[in-house]
N, C-alpha and C. Protein backbone atom coordinates (compact mmCIF):
# COMPACT_ATOMS: atom_id res chain seq x y z
N UNK A 1 1.02 16.71 6.75
CA UNK A 1 0.54 16.05 7.91
C UNK A 1 -1.00 15.71 7.64
N UNK A 2 -1.42 14.46 8.07
CA UNK A 2 -2.08 13.18 7.59
C UNK A 2 -3.82 14.27 8.05
N UNK A 3 -4.88 13.70 7.08
CA UNK A 3 -5.94 14.41 8.07
C UNK A 3 -6.99 13.85 7.22
N UNK A 4 -8.40 13.82 8.01
CA UNK A 4 -9.38 12.64 7.15
C UNK A 4 -9.62 13.61 6.68
N UNK A 5 -10.34 13.14 5.35
CA UNK A 5 -10.29 13.93 3.91
C UNK A 5 -12.02 14.12 3.46
N UNK A 6 -12.71 12.86 4.26
CA UNK A 6 -14.57 12.91 3.34
C UNK A 6 -14.90 12.53 5.27
N UNK A 7 -16.34 13.13 4.63
CA UNK A 7 -17.76 12.61 5.59
C UNK A 7 -17.54 14.07 6.96
N UNK A 8 -18.24 13.51 8.02
CA UNK A 8 -18.52 14.57 8.61
C UNK A 8 -17.06 15.36 9.74
N UNK A 9 -15.75 14.12 10.16
CA UNK A 9 -14.72 14.49 10.66
C UNK A 9 -13.99 15.05 9.68
N UNK A 10 -14.30 15.40 8.35
CA UNK A 10 -13.52 16.07 7.71
C UNK A 10 -12.47 16.92 7.78
N UNK A 11 -11.21 16.98 7.41
CA UNK A 11 -10.13 17.84 8.50
C UNK A 11 -9.47 17.84 9.59
N UNK A 12 -10.14 16.70 10.48
CA UNK A 12 -9.03 16.77 11.62
C UNK A 12 -7.88 15.93 11.30
N UNK A 13 -7.19 16.14 11.76
CA UNK A 13 -5.81 15.37 12.32
C UNK A 13 -5.31 14.56 12.27
N UNK A 14 -4.60 13.69 11.68
CA UNK A 14 -4.35 11.83 11.75
C UNK A 14 -3.23 11.78 12.73
N UNK A 15 -2.81 12.06 14.17
CA UNK A 15 -1.63 11.44 14.44
C UNK A 15 -0.98 10.36 13.22
N UNK A 16 0.82 11.17 13.04
CA UNK A 16 1.28 10.26 11.83
C UNK A 16 2.94 10.72 12.31
N UNK A 17 4.05 10.04 12.51
CA UNK A 17 5.42 9.76 13.10
C UNK A 17 5.96 8.50 12.07
N UNK A 18 6.80 9.32 11.35
CA UNK A 18 7.19 8.70 10.40
C UNK A 18 8.42 7.14 10.97
N UNK A 19 7.97 6.47 10.66
CA UNK A 19 8.67 5.12 11.16
C UNK A 19 9.21 4.08 9.82
N UNK A 20 10.43 3.76 9.73
CA UNK A 20 10.27 2.49 8.84
C UNK A 20 9.18 1.38 8.67
N UNK A 21 8.83 1.08 7.42
CA UNK A 21 8.14 0.50 6.97
C UNK A 21 6.42 1.00 6.66
N UNK A 22 6.26 1.91 7.47
CA UNK A 22 5.20 2.49 7.71
C UNK A 22 4.60 3.41 6.41
N UNK A 23 3.71 3.31 5.43
CA UNK A 23 3.68 3.76 4.28
C UNK A 23 2.01 4.17 4.67
N UNK A 24 1.71 5.53 4.72
CA UNK A 24 0.09 5.65 5.07
C UNK A 24 -0.60 6.29 3.77
N UNK A 25 -1.38 5.79 3.46
CA UNK A 25 -2.03 5.66 2.20
C UNK A 25 -2.07 7.38 1.62
N UNK A 26 -2.04 7.67 0.88
CA UNK A 26 -2.38 8.90 0.43
C UNK A 26 -3.63 9.41 0.41
N UNK A 27 -3.44 11.11 0.93
CA UNK A 27 -5.14 11.45 1.42
C UNK A 27 -6.09 11.56 -0.29
N UNK A 28 -5.20 11.78 -1.31
CA UNK A 28 -5.91 11.13 -2.33
C UNK A 28 -6.50 9.81 -2.63
N UNK A 29 -5.59 8.68 -2.34
CA UNK A 29 -6.08 7.74 -2.31
C UNK A 29 -7.45 7.98 -1.90
N UNK A 30 -7.05 7.54 -0.41
CA UNK A 30 -7.99 7.81 0.80
C UNK A 30 -9.31 8.63 -0.04
N UNK A 31 -9.26 9.54 -0.26
CA UNK A 31 -10.83 10.38 -0.24
C UNK A 31 -11.48 9.86 -1.48
N UNK A 32 -10.40 9.43 -2.84
CA UNK A 32 -10.89 8.53 -3.59
C UNK A 32 -11.98 7.60 -3.61
N UNK A 33 -11.25 6.32 -2.22
CA UNK A 33 -12.14 5.59 -1.94
C UNK A 33 -13.23 5.54 -1.28
N UNK A 34 -12.89 6.33 -0.49
CA UNK A 34 -14.05 6.91 0.45
C UNK A 34 -15.51 7.37 -0.42
N UNK A 35 -15.03 8.19 -1.76
CA UNK A 35 -16.27 8.37 -2.67
C UNK A 35 -16.89 7.35 -3.02
N UNK A 36 -15.66 6.32 -3.55
CA UNK A 36 -16.60 5.01 -4.28
C UNK A 36 -17.73 4.73 -3.35
N UNK A 37 -17.05 4.97 -1.87
CA UNK A 37 -17.88 3.85 -0.87
C UNK A 37 -18.99 4.55 -0.05
N UNK A 38 -18.72 6.10 -0.96
CA UNK A 38 -20.42 6.52 -0.11
C UNK A 38 -21.32 6.34 0.03
N UNK A 39 -21.62 5.37 -0.45
CA UNK A 39 -23.29 4.38 0.02
C UNK A 39 -23.24 3.20 0.33
N UNK A 40 -22.15 2.70 0.20
CA UNK A 40 -21.47 1.91 1.43
C UNK A 40 -21.28 2.09 3.10
N UNK A 41 -21.13 3.06 3.17
CA UNK A 41 -20.28 3.41 3.94
C UNK A 41 -21.49 3.36 5.43
N UNK A 42 -22.76 4.07 5.49
CA UNK A 42 -23.53 4.42 6.69
C UNK A 42 -24.07 3.70 7.22
N UNK A 43 -24.36 2.84 8.48
CA UNK A 43 -24.27 1.68 8.98
C UNK A 43 -23.65 0.36 8.55
N UNK A 44 -22.77 0.75 8.18
CA UNK A 44 -21.94 -0.81 8.01
C UNK A 44 -21.00 -0.84 9.16
N UNK A 45 -20.73 -2.22 9.15
CA UNK A 45 -19.33 -2.67 10.21
C UNK A 45 -18.14 -2.50 9.26
N UNK A 46 -17.11 -2.38 9.27
CA UNK A 46 -15.73 -2.13 8.57
C UNK A 46 -14.53 -3.06 9.82
N UNK A 47 -13.87 -3.70 9.11
CA UNK A 47 -12.78 -3.84 9.57
C UNK A 47 -11.21 -3.52 8.54
N UNK A 48 -10.43 -3.12 9.19
CA UNK A 48 -9.58 -1.89 8.27
C UNK A 48 -7.97 -2.96 9.31
N UNK A 49 -7.55 -3.76 8.15
CA UNK A 49 -6.78 -4.97 8.84
C UNK A 49 -5.48 -4.07 7.76
N UNK A 50 -4.23 -4.24 8.72
CA UNK A 50 -2.54 -3.91 8.52
C UNK A 50 -3.20 -1.92 8.45
N UNK A 51 -3.60 -1.41 9.56
CA UNK A 51 -4.32 -0.27 9.81
C UNK A 51 -3.60 0.55 9.62
N UNK A 52 -2.27 0.36 10.02
CA UNK A 52 -1.08 1.55 10.70
C UNK A 52 -1.59 2.49 11.11
N UNK A 53 -1.54 3.75 10.49
CA UNK A 53 -1.86 5.47 10.99
C UNK A 53 -3.38 5.28 11.18
N UNK A 54 -4.47 4.11 10.86
CA UNK A 54 -5.88 4.04 11.11
C UNK A 54 -6.63 4.77 9.72
N UNK A 55 -6.01 5.57 9.22
CA UNK A 55 -6.85 6.55 8.21
C UNK A 55 -7.89 5.92 8.02
N UNK A 56 -8.09 4.74 7.07
CA UNK A 56 -9.15 4.24 6.35
C UNK A 56 -10.22 3.84 6.93
N UNK A 57 -10.06 3.52 8.60
CA UNK A 57 -10.68 3.56 9.52
C UNK A 57 -11.81 4.13 9.73
N UNK A 58 -10.51 5.49 9.89
CA UNK A 58 -11.42 6.55 10.18
C UNK A 58 -12.19 7.37 9.36
N UNK A 59 -12.00 7.37 7.74
CA UNK A 59 -12.91 7.66 6.83
C UNK A 59 -14.12 6.99 7.08
N UNK A 60 -14.36 5.77 7.59
CA UNK A 60 -15.39 5.06 7.79
C UNK A 60 -16.51 5.22 8.74
N UNK A 61 -15.72 5.47 9.48
CA UNK A 61 -15.96 6.10 10.94
C UNK A 61 -16.54 7.47 10.75
N UNK A 62 -16.12 8.16 9.85
CA UNK A 62 -16.28 9.81 9.36
C UNK A 62 -17.31 9.68 8.60
N UNK A 63 -17.86 8.68 7.81
CA UNK A 63 -18.81 8.91 6.73
C UNK A 63 -19.68 7.87 7.31
N UNK A 64 -20.40 7.49 8.90
CA UNK A 64 -21.36 6.99 9.21
C UNK A 64 -21.03 5.76 9.44
N UNK A 65 -19.80 4.99 9.73
CA UNK A 65 -19.93 3.16 9.66
C UNK A 65 -20.54 3.25 11.53
N UNK A 66 -21.58 2.33 11.30
CA UNK A 66 -21.83 2.10 12.67
C UNK A 66 -20.40 1.45 13.43
N UNK A 67 -19.79 0.58 12.84
CA UNK A 67 -19.20 -0.58 13.77
C UNK A 67 -17.39 0.23 13.23
N UNK A 68 -16.43 0.06 13.34
CA UNK A 68 -15.41 -0.03 12.78
C UNK A 68 -13.57 -0.70 13.99
N UNK A 69 -13.33 -1.61 13.21
CA UNK A 69 -12.64 -2.31 14.30
C UNK A 69 -10.86 -2.40 13.27
N UNK A 70 -10.04 -1.99 13.82
CA UNK A 70 -8.24 -1.57 13.88
C UNK A 70 -8.07 -2.71 13.66
N UNK A 71 -7.13 -2.96 13.01
CA UNK A 71 -6.13 -4.45 13.29
C UNK A 71 -4.74 -4.09 12.84
N UNK A 72 -3.99 -4.10 14.27
CA UNK A 72 -2.21 -3.68 13.81
C UNK A 72 -0.95 -4.22 14.48
N UNK A 73 -0.15 -4.43 13.56
CA UNK A 73 0.56 -5.75 14.82
C UNK A 73 1.69 -4.63 15.44
N UNK A 74 2.26 -3.28 14.96
CA UNK A 74 2.91 -2.57 15.66
C UNK A 74 1.92 -2.19 17.49
N UNK A 75 2.84 -2.25 18.17
CA UNK A 75 2.54 -1.94 19.29
C UNK A 75 2.78 -0.08 20.06
N UNK A 76 3.65 0.17 19.06
CA UNK A 76 3.79 1.65 19.37
C UNK A 76 3.03 2.21 18.20
N UNK A 77 2.05 1.38 17.52
CA UNK A 77 1.49 2.31 16.67
C UNK A 77 0.20 2.49 17.19
N UNK A 78 -0.63 1.46 17.66
CA UNK A 78 -1.73 0.62 18.34
C UNK A 78 -2.04 1.76 19.72
N UNK A 79 -0.55 1.73 20.08
CA UNK A 79 -0.95 2.38 21.43
C UNK A 79 -1.09 4.08 21.43
N UNK A 80 -0.21 4.08 20.13
CA UNK A 80 -0.90 5.87 20.02
C UNK A 80 -2.25 6.09 19.06
N UNK A 81 -2.27 5.50 18.79
CA UNK A 81 -3.66 5.10 18.09
C UNK A 81 -4.87 5.49 18.72
N UNK A 82 -4.42 4.06 19.84
CA UNK A 82 -5.83 4.01 21.41
C UNK A 82 -5.72 5.67 21.83
N UNK A 83 -4.35 6.04 21.77
CA UNK A 83 -4.74 7.17 22.65
C UNK A 83 -5.50 8.63 22.10
N UNK A 84 -5.03 8.50 20.16
CA UNK A 84 -6.00 9.33 19.81
C UNK A 84 -7.59 9.47 19.68
N UNK A 85 -7.85 7.56 19.69
CA UNK A 85 -9.52 7.83 19.67
C UNK A 85 -10.08 7.82 20.71
N UNK A 86 -9.09 7.96 21.96
CA UNK A 86 -9.55 8.15 23.37
C UNK A 86 -9.85 9.76 23.62
N UNK A 87 -8.67 10.05 23.49
CA UNK A 87 -9.13 12.31 23.61
C UNK A 87 -10.21 12.37 22.49
N UNK A 88 -9.77 12.08 21.20
CA UNK A 88 -10.71 12.72 20.25
C UNK A 88 -12.37 11.98 20.14
N UNK A 89 -12.65 10.82 20.44
CA UNK A 89 -13.65 10.58 20.28
C UNK A 89 -14.28 9.55 21.45
N UNK A 90 -13.85 9.75 22.43
CA UNK A 90 -14.35 9.35 23.71
C UNK A 90 -15.77 9.06 23.46
N UNK A 91 -16.80 9.83 23.04
CA UNK A 91 -18.17 9.67 22.97
C UNK A 91 -18.80 8.42 22.11
N UNK A 92 -17.64 7.85 21.22
CA UNK A 92 -17.81 6.89 20.26
C UNK A 92 -17.29 6.01 20.68
N UNK A 93 -16.42 5.79 21.74
CA UNK A 93 -15.77 4.67 22.28
C UNK A 93 -16.51 3.09 21.83
N UNK A 94 -17.75 2.94 22.00
CA UNK A 94 -19.13 1.84 21.30
C UNK A 94 -18.93 1.28 20.30
N UNK A 95 -18.28 2.58 19.07
CA UNK A 95 -18.48 2.28 18.09
C UNK A 95 -17.08 1.63 17.41
N UNK A 96 -16.16 1.57 18.11
CA UNK A 96 -14.48 1.04 17.43
C UNK A 96 -14.11 0.21 18.65
N UNK A 97 -13.18 -0.54 17.68
CA UNK A 97 -12.09 -1.15 18.98
C UNK A 97 -11.17 -1.54 17.91
N UNK A 98 -9.83 -1.53 18.98
CA UNK A 98 -8.26 -1.53 18.27
C UNK A 98 -8.02 -2.68 18.65
N UNK A 99 -7.19 -3.93 18.13
CA UNK A 99 -6.42 -4.75 18.22
C UNK A 99 -5.13 -4.97 17.51
N UNK A 100 -3.96 -5.07 18.70
CA UNK A 100 -2.58 -5.10 18.46
C UNK A 100 -2.42 -6.81 18.07
N UNK A 101 -2.44 -6.87 16.85
CA UNK A 101 -2.55 -8.43 16.26
C UNK A 101 -2.07 -8.66 14.92
N UNK A 102 -1.21 -9.64 14.69
CA UNK A 102 -0.87 -9.82 13.04
C UNK A 102 -2.04 -10.41 12.77
N UNK A 103 -2.21 -9.81 11.24
CA UNK A 103 -3.45 -9.98 10.18
C UNK A 103 -3.51 -11.72 10.53
N UNK A 104 -2.77 -12.80 9.95
CA UNK A 104 -2.89 -13.79 9.80
C UNK A 104 -3.31 -14.53 10.50
N UNK A 105 -3.01 -14.12 12.05
CA UNK A 105 -3.61 -14.77 13.52
C UNK A 105 -5.05 -13.84 13.69
N UNK A 106 -4.97 -12.73 13.42
CA UNK A 106 -6.47 -12.18 13.53
C UNK A 106 -7.43 -13.15 12.75
N UNK A 107 -7.40 -13.39 11.19
CA UNK A 107 -7.97 -14.13 10.74
C UNK A 107 -8.56 -15.61 11.08
N UNK A 108 -7.40 -16.31 11.27
CA UNK A 108 -7.62 -17.42 12.17
C UNK A 108 -8.55 -17.47 13.29
N UNK A 109 -8.24 -16.49 13.70
CA UNK A 109 -9.23 -16.99 15.20
C UNK A 109 -10.74 -16.27 14.94
N UNK A 110 -11.01 -15.86 13.67
CA UNK A 110 -12.01 -14.32 13.79
C UNK A 110 -13.46 -15.67 14.00
N UNK A 111 -14.26 -14.97 15.39
CA UNK A 111 -15.30 -15.85 15.87
C UNK A 111 -16.72 -15.23 15.24
N UNK A 112 -16.96 -14.05 15.17
CA UNK A 112 -17.60 -12.98 15.01
C UNK A 112 -18.57 -13.12 13.46
N UNK A 113 -19.27 -12.24 13.44
CA UNK A 113 -20.31 -12.18 12.25
C UNK A 113 -19.19 -11.74 11.29
N UNK A 114 -19.60 -12.08 9.82
CA UNK A 114 -19.05 -11.27 8.26
C UNK A 114 -19.24 -9.68 8.61
N UNK A 115 -17.73 -8.85 8.07
CA UNK A 115 -18.47 -7.33 8.24
C UNK A 115 -18.62 -6.79 6.92
N UNK A 116 -19.12 -5.55 6.58
CA UNK A 116 -19.56 -5.48 5.43
C UNK A 116 -18.45 -5.03 4.58
N UNK A 117 -17.73 -4.59 5.28
CA UNK A 117 -16.39 -4.22 4.49
C UNK A 117 -15.01 -4.27 4.59
N UNK A 118 -14.34 -4.78 4.08
CA UNK A 118 -12.92 -5.51 4.67
C UNK A 118 -11.69 -5.00 3.56
N UNK A 119 -11.10 -3.79 4.83
CA UNK A 119 -10.20 -3.09 3.73
C UNK A 119 -8.84 -3.49 4.43
N UNK A 120 -8.23 -4.25 3.05
CA UNK A 120 -6.97 -4.42 3.35
C UNK A 120 -5.76 -3.60 2.70
N UNK A 121 -4.86 -2.94 3.69
CA UNK A 121 -3.87 -2.53 2.86
C UNK A 121 -2.57 -3.37 3.50
N UNK A 122 -1.70 -4.22 3.00
CA UNK A 122 -0.82 -4.65 3.30
C UNK A 122 0.90 -4.35 2.90
N UNK A 123 1.87 -3.94 3.16
CA UNK A 123 2.57 -3.38 2.86
C UNK A 123 2.67 -3.56 1.43
N UNK A 124 3.58 -2.00 0.26
CA UNK A 124 3.78 -2.98 -0.73
C UNK A 124 5.35 -3.55 -1.10
N UNK A 125 5.09 -4.70 -2.26
CA UNK A 125 6.20 -5.86 -2.44
C UNK A 125 6.08 -6.54 -1.30
N UNK A 126 4.69 -6.81 -0.61
CA UNK A 126 4.60 -7.58 0.62
C UNK A 126 4.52 -8.96 -0.16
N UNK A 127 5.24 -9.70 0.45
CA UNK A 127 5.65 -11.43 -0.30
C UNK A 127 4.47 -12.03 0.03
N UNK A 128 3.56 -12.14 0.52
CA UNK A 128 2.57 -13.42 0.94
C UNK A 128 1.03 -12.64 0.66
N UNK A 129 1.23 -12.48 -0.89
CA UNK A 129 -0.35 -11.99 -1.06
C UNK A 129 -1.65 -13.16 -1.54
N UNK A 130 -0.99 -13.88 -2.25
CA UNK A 130 -1.18 -15.51 -2.63
C UNK A 130 -1.96 -16.09 -1.22
N UNK A 131 -1.32 -16.05 0.20
CA UNK A 131 -1.43 -16.44 1.17
C UNK A 131 -2.60 -16.08 2.08
N UNK A 132 -2.80 -14.68 1.74
CA UNK A 132 -3.29 -13.42 1.92
C UNK A 132 -4.85 -13.86 1.73
N UNK A 133 -4.65 -14.14 0.61
CA UNK A 133 -6.39 -13.91 -0.01
C UNK A 133 -6.85 -15.60 0.25
N UNK A 134 -5.65 -16.65 0.55
CA UNK A 134 -6.22 -17.58 0.76
C UNK A 134 -6.55 -18.05 2.38
N UNK A 135 -5.95 -17.11 3.52
CA UNK A 135 -6.95 -16.70 4.37
C UNK A 135 -8.16 -16.38 4.60
N UNK A 136 -7.95 -15.33 3.56
CA UNK A 136 -9.48 -14.35 3.68
C UNK A 136 -10.66 -15.30 3.38
N UNK A 137 -9.96 -16.47 2.29
CA UNK A 137 -11.37 -17.23 1.82
C UNK A 137 -11.59 -17.93 2.89
N UNK A 138 -10.69 -18.37 3.49
CA UNK A 138 -11.10 -19.21 5.19
C UNK A 138 -11.74 -18.88 6.26
N UNK A 139 -11.49 -17.49 6.46
CA UNK A 139 -11.75 -16.38 7.53
C UNK A 139 -13.29 -16.30 7.56
N UNK A 140 -14.36 -16.26 8.42
CA UNK A 140 -15.59 -16.19 8.62
C UNK A 140 -15.80 -14.57 8.64
N UNK A 141 -15.04 -13.72 8.65
CA UNK A 141 -14.96 -12.11 8.63
C UNK A 141 -15.34 -12.02 7.26
N UNK A 142 -15.37 -12.74 6.50
CA UNK A 142 -15.48 -12.55 5.03
C UNK A 142 -16.90 -13.02 4.65
N UNK A 143 -18.01 -12.60 4.25
CA UNK A 143 -19.16 -13.63 3.69
C UNK A 143 -19.58 -12.87 2.69
N UNK A 144 -21.13 -13.47 2.15
CA UNK A 144 -21.12 -13.19 0.76
C UNK A 144 -21.63 -11.88 0.08
N UNK A 145 -21.82 -11.02 0.76
CA UNK A 145 -22.03 -9.86 0.48
C UNK A 145 -20.72 -8.87 1.31
N UNK A 146 -19.65 -9.39 1.86
CA UNK A 146 -18.68 -8.55 2.33
C UNK A 146 -17.83 -7.84 1.26
N UNK A 147 -17.44 -6.93 0.75
CA UNK A 147 -16.57 -5.92 0.09
C UNK A 147 -15.66 -6.11 0.36
N UNK A 148 -14.56 -6.32 -0.05
CA UNK A 148 -13.37 -6.35 0.01
C UNK A 148 -12.33 -5.27 -0.81
N UNK A 149 -11.83 -4.04 0.00
CA UNK A 149 -11.05 -2.97 -0.89
C UNK A 149 -9.45 -3.25 -0.36
N UNK A 150 -8.61 -3.61 -1.37
CA UNK A 150 -7.42 -4.25 -1.46
C UNK A 150 -6.33 -2.98 -1.98
N UNK A 151 -5.53 -2.59 -1.12
CA UNK A 151 -5.07 -1.47 -1.67
C UNK A 151 -3.43 -2.13 -2.02
N UNK A 152 -3.04 -2.40 -2.96
CA UNK A 152 -1.13 -2.62 -3.46
C UNK A 152 -0.74 -1.92 -4.35
N UNK A 153 0.47 -2.22 -4.82
CA UNK A 153 1.46 -1.30 -5.29
C UNK A 153 1.24 -2.27 -6.76
N UNK A 154 1.87 -1.43 -8.01
CA UNK A 154 1.02 -1.46 -9.17
C UNK A 154 2.09 -2.60 -9.79
N UNK A 155 3.43 -3.07 -9.47
CA UNK A 155 3.97 -3.88 -9.53
C UNK A 155 3.72 -5.27 -8.52
N UNK A 156 2.74 -5.18 -8.17
CA UNK A 156 2.59 -6.22 -7.00
C UNK A 156 0.92 -6.62 -7.31
N UNK A 157 0.75 -6.80 -8.86
CA UNK A 157 -0.73 -7.25 -8.77
C UNK A 157 -1.78 -8.52 -8.19
N UNK A 158 -2.83 -8.15 -8.16
CA UNK A 158 -3.52 -9.08 -8.09
C UNK A 158 -5.14 -9.37 -8.72
N UNK A 159 -4.53 -9.80 -9.96
CA UNK A 159 -4.86 -10.07 -10.98
C UNK A 159 -6.59 -11.43 -10.79
N UNK A 160 -7.13 -11.29 -11.99
CA UNK A 160 -8.39 -11.65 -11.75
C UNK A 160 -7.93 -13.12 -11.54
N UNK A 161 -6.80 -14.02 -12.46
CA UNK A 161 -6.96 -15.49 -12.42
C UNK A 161 -6.63 -16.13 -10.71
N UNK A 162 -5.83 -15.04 -10.58
CA UNK A 162 -5.43 -14.90 -9.08
C UNK A 162 -6.15 -14.87 -7.88
N UNK A 163 -7.08 -14.31 -7.95
CA UNK A 163 -8.03 -13.91 -7.25
C UNK A 163 -9.22 -14.90 -7.23
N UNK A 164 -9.94 -15.00 -8.63
CA UNK A 164 -10.21 -15.99 -8.68
C UNK A 164 -10.09 -17.61 -8.31
N UNK A 165 -8.58 -17.42 -8.12
CA UNK A 165 -8.25 -19.54 -7.76
C UNK A 165 -8.66 -18.89 -6.11
N UNK A 166 -8.66 -18.16 -5.51
CA UNK A 166 -8.51 -17.82 -4.18
C UNK A 166 -10.02 -17.94 -3.85
N UNK A 167 -11.05 -18.21 -4.27
CA UNK A 167 -12.36 -17.67 -4.25
C UNK A 167 -12.96 -16.50 -4.43
N UNK A 168 -12.61 -15.50 -5.06
CA UNK A 168 -12.76 -14.56 -4.95
C UNK A 168 -13.19 -14.30 -6.44
N UNK A 169 -14.19 -12.89 -6.32
CA UNK A 169 -14.29 -12.34 -7.84
C UNK A 169 -13.80 -10.55 -7.73
N UNK A 170 -12.99 -10.28 -8.69
CA UNK A 170 -12.55 -9.32 -9.02
C UNK A 170 -13.68 -8.34 -9.64
N UNK A 171 -14.21 -7.07 -8.72
CA UNK A 171 -15.50 -6.23 -9.03
C UNK A 171 -14.87 -5.26 -9.92
N UNK A 172 -13.69 -4.58 -9.73
CA UNK A 172 -13.10 -3.01 -10.33
C UNK A 172 -11.58 -3.17 -9.98
N UNK A 173 -10.78 -2.59 -10.37
CA UNK A 173 -9.74 -1.82 -10.37
C UNK A 173 -9.52 -0.48 -10.49
N UNK A 174 -8.96 0.13 -9.85
CA UNK A 174 -8.74 1.50 -9.80
C UNK A 174 -7.36 2.20 -9.76
N UNK A 175 -6.62 2.75 -10.42
CA UNK A 175 -5.61 3.43 -10.85
C UNK A 175 -5.03 4.74 -10.25
N UNK A 176 -4.36 4.66 -9.07
CA UNK A 176 -3.75 6.40 -8.95
C UNK A 176 -2.07 6.14 -8.91
N UNK A 177 -1.69 6.55 -9.58
CA UNK A 177 0.09 6.53 -9.64
C UNK A 177 0.20 5.19 -9.58
N UNK A 178 1.18 5.34 -8.56
CA UNK A 178 2.06 3.83 -8.63
C UNK A 178 0.96 2.55 -7.69
N UNK A 179 -0.22 3.69 -7.06
CA UNK A 179 -1.77 2.72 -6.24
C UNK A 179 -2.61 1.90 -6.95
N UNK A 180 -2.72 0.90 -6.49
CA UNK A 180 -3.99 0.54 -7.06
C UNK A 180 -4.76 0.02 -5.92
N UNK A 181 -6.17 -0.27 -6.37
CA UNK A 181 -7.14 -0.21 -5.45
C UNK A 181 -8.33 -1.34 -6.13
N UNK A 182 -8.53 -2.39 -5.84
CA UNK A 182 -9.47 -3.13 -6.58
C UNK A 182 -10.63 -3.51 -5.38
N UNK A 183 -11.60 -3.72 -5.67
CA UNK A 183 -13.02 -4.01 -5.07
C UNK A 183 -13.05 -5.72 -5.18
N UNK A 184 -13.29 -6.50 -4.15
CA UNK A 184 -13.26 -7.75 -4.03
C UNK A 184 -14.53 -8.37 -3.81
N UNK A 185 -14.67 -9.18 -4.16
CA UNK A 185 -16.52 -10.37 -3.38
C UNK A 185 -15.64 -11.67 -3.06
N UNK A 186 -16.55 -12.01 -2.56
CA UNK A 186 -16.36 -14.18 -2.64
C UNK A 186 -17.71 -14.20 -3.91
N UNK A 187 -16.54 -15.09 -4.28
CA UNK A 187 -17.05 -15.64 -5.55
C UNK A 187 -18.40 -17.07 -4.91
N UNK A 188 -19.18 -16.51 -5.62
CA UNK A 188 -20.73 -17.25 -5.04
C UNK A 188 -20.85 -18.28 -6.36
N UNK A 189 -20.33 -19.76 -6.27
CA UNK A 189 -21.00 -20.56 -7.31
C UNK A 189 -22.12 -21.52 -6.92
């Protein structure tokens, strides 16, 4: 069973029904990332793209994020997650939004302000890594101070040269078994 790992909502179960193509981030990795971001979460605006079960965004909400946006293309996952949020966190509805949309379409049409933290957890072995970075560099969701948190499989590296070519700076990479988490910022020249 998946649970929120950190913050004021620690221990609350997250609905999860296994299905092909859904790979929830392990609790160990989410806890580690939440601890890395513990000083960044409070009062932040967060977008969780490729959100799946919504676990990363729930960690943000649990740790004091002011606003959380989840973006997921799978209709069933979105419906289930919306029900969960409404049943469990109705009093905080003004703090979050769940969109059913393809991430690339979402990035292209974004017209709001940049977010403080952008969580990216695309499928492992996903062939569109370079395109994702290119689209992020063109999207208004990424500002000069936006912290990008990118989870990926160790065989799908987002190496520093690729990141720099797409207009970002690789701040740090963390290793957790087969998973890697990279922290990125827009490169200011």
